[in-house]
């Protein structure tokens, strides 16, 4: 078990930019995972079984990255909400 420490930006504009970048990374990981799945199926049907297995594992890694990014996106959105609802002096 390990912990990743992320220093979130303190201001709202930077947090919103951070959230947009995380969403873009999530979308890229999603598209890469789908492309890998399609490629794995195509390779399996053309007789390249070991290559298909490797590409399928790459797709699984993309899925894991998506899960991690979803957690970061949720935490960033919670920080944005906390900044929006914080009492101003």
Protein backbone atom coordinates (compact mmCIF):
# COMPACT_ATOMS: atom_id res chain seq x y z
CA UNK A 1 0.00 0.00 0.00
CA UNK A 2 1.28 3.43 -0.83
CA UNK A 3 0.08 7.00 -0.66
CA UNK A 4 0.42 9.68 -3.29
CA UNK A 5 0.60 13.22 -1.94
CA UNK A 6 -0.64 15.91 -4.28
CA UNK A 7 -0.19 19.60 -3.61
CA UNK A 8 -3.43 21.09 -4.85
CA UNK A 9 -3.48 24.73 -5.97
CA UNK A 10 -4.89 27.10 -3.37
CA UNK A 11 -6.96 29.41 -5.58
CA UNK A 12 -10.19 28.52 -7.34
CA UNK A 13 -9.07 29.37 -10.88
CA UNK A 14 -6.05 27.08 -10.64
CA UNK A 15 -8.22 24.30 -9.19
CA UNK A 16 -10.67 24.61 -12.08
CA UNK A 17 -7.78 24.45 -14.57
CA UNK A 18 -6.43 21.40 -12.71
CA UNK A 19 -9.83 19.69 -12.91
CA UNK A 20 -10.05 20.36 -16.66
CA UNK A 21 -6.63 18.82 -17.18
CA UNK A 22 -7.60 15.77 -15.14
CA UNK A 23 -10.76 15.33 -17.22
CA UNK A 24 -8.71 15.60 -20.42
CA UNK A 25 -6.30 12.95 -19.11
CA UNK A 26 -9.25 10.72 -18.19
CA UNK A 27 -10.68 11.07 -21.70
CA UNK A 28 -7.31 10.29 -23.29
CA UNK A 29 -6.95 7.20 -21.11
CA UNK A 30 -10.47 6.11 -22.01
CA UNK A 31 -9.89 6.49 -25.74
CA UNK A 32 -6.55 4.68 -25.51
CA UNK A 33 -8.18 1.82 -23.60
CA UNK A 34 -10.95 1.45 -26.18
CA UNK A 35 -8.42 1.52 -29.02
CA UNK A 36 -6.38 -1.18 -27.26
CA UNK A 37 -9.45 -3.37 -26.82
CA UNK A 38 -10.34 -3.06 -30.50
CA UNK A 39 -6.73 -3.78 -31.44
CA UNK A 40 -6.59 -6.81 -29.15
CA UNK A 41 -9.71 -8.29 -30.73
CA UNK A 42 -8.36 -7.67 -34.23
CA UNK A 43 -5.00 -9.24 -33.33
CA UNK A 44 -6.68 -12.25 -31.75
CA UNK A 45 -8.70 -12.92 -34.89
CA UNK A 46 -5.62 -12.66 -37.11
CA UNK A 47 -3.69 -15.26 -35.13
CA UNK A 48 -1.43 -13.00 -33.07
CA UNK A 49 -2.50 -14.33 -29.68
CA UNK A 50 0.46 -13.23 -27.55
CA UNK A 51 0.44 -9.75 -29.03
CA UNK A 52 -3.31 -9.56 -28.44
CA UNK A 53 -2.78 -10.54 -24.80
CA UNK A 54 -0.20 -7.78 -24.36
CA UNK A 55 -2.45 -5.17 -25.94
CA UNK A 56 -5.34 -6.35 -23.75
CA UNK A 57 -3.16 -5.87 -20.65
CA UNK A 58 -2.36 -2.35 -21.86
CA UNK A 59 -6.10 -1.73 -22.02
CA UNK A 60 -6.42 -2.92 -18.42
CA UNK A 61 -3.69 -0.47 -17.37
CA UNK A 62 -5.66 2.33 -19.02
CA UNK A 63 -8.70 1.26 -17.01
CA UNK A 64 -6.69 1.44 -13.80
CA UNK A 65 -5.46 4.90 -14.71
CA UNK A 66 -9.05 5.97 -15.33
CA UNK A 67 -10.06 4.80 -11.85
CA UNK A 68 -7.24 6.77 -10.25
CA UNK A 69 -8.07 9.86 -12.27
CA UNK A 70 -11.73 9.62 -11.24
CA UNK A 71 -10.68 9.77 -7.58
CA UNK A 72 -8.49 12.81 -8.24
CA UNK A 73 -11.30 14.52 -10.16
CA UNK A 74 -13.74 13.94 -7.29
CA UNK A 75 -11.27 15.29 -4.73
CA UNK A 76 -10.57 18.35 -6.88
CA UNK A 77 -14.29 19.04 -7.28
CA UNK A 78 -14.75 18.75 -3.51
CA UNK A 79 -11.95 21.27 -2.97
CA UNK A 80 -13.60 23.62 -5.49
CA UNK A 81 -16.91 23.33 -3.63
CA UNK A 82 -15.15 23.96 -0.32
CA UNK A 83 -13.56 27.12 -1.70
CA UNK A 84 -16.87 28.30 -3.14
CA UNK A 85 -18.73 27.78 0.13
CA UNK A 86 -15.97 29.11 2.42
CA UNK A 87 -16.75 32.24 4.35
CA UNK A 88 -15.01 35.29 2.93
CA UNK A 89 -13.52 37.88 5.31
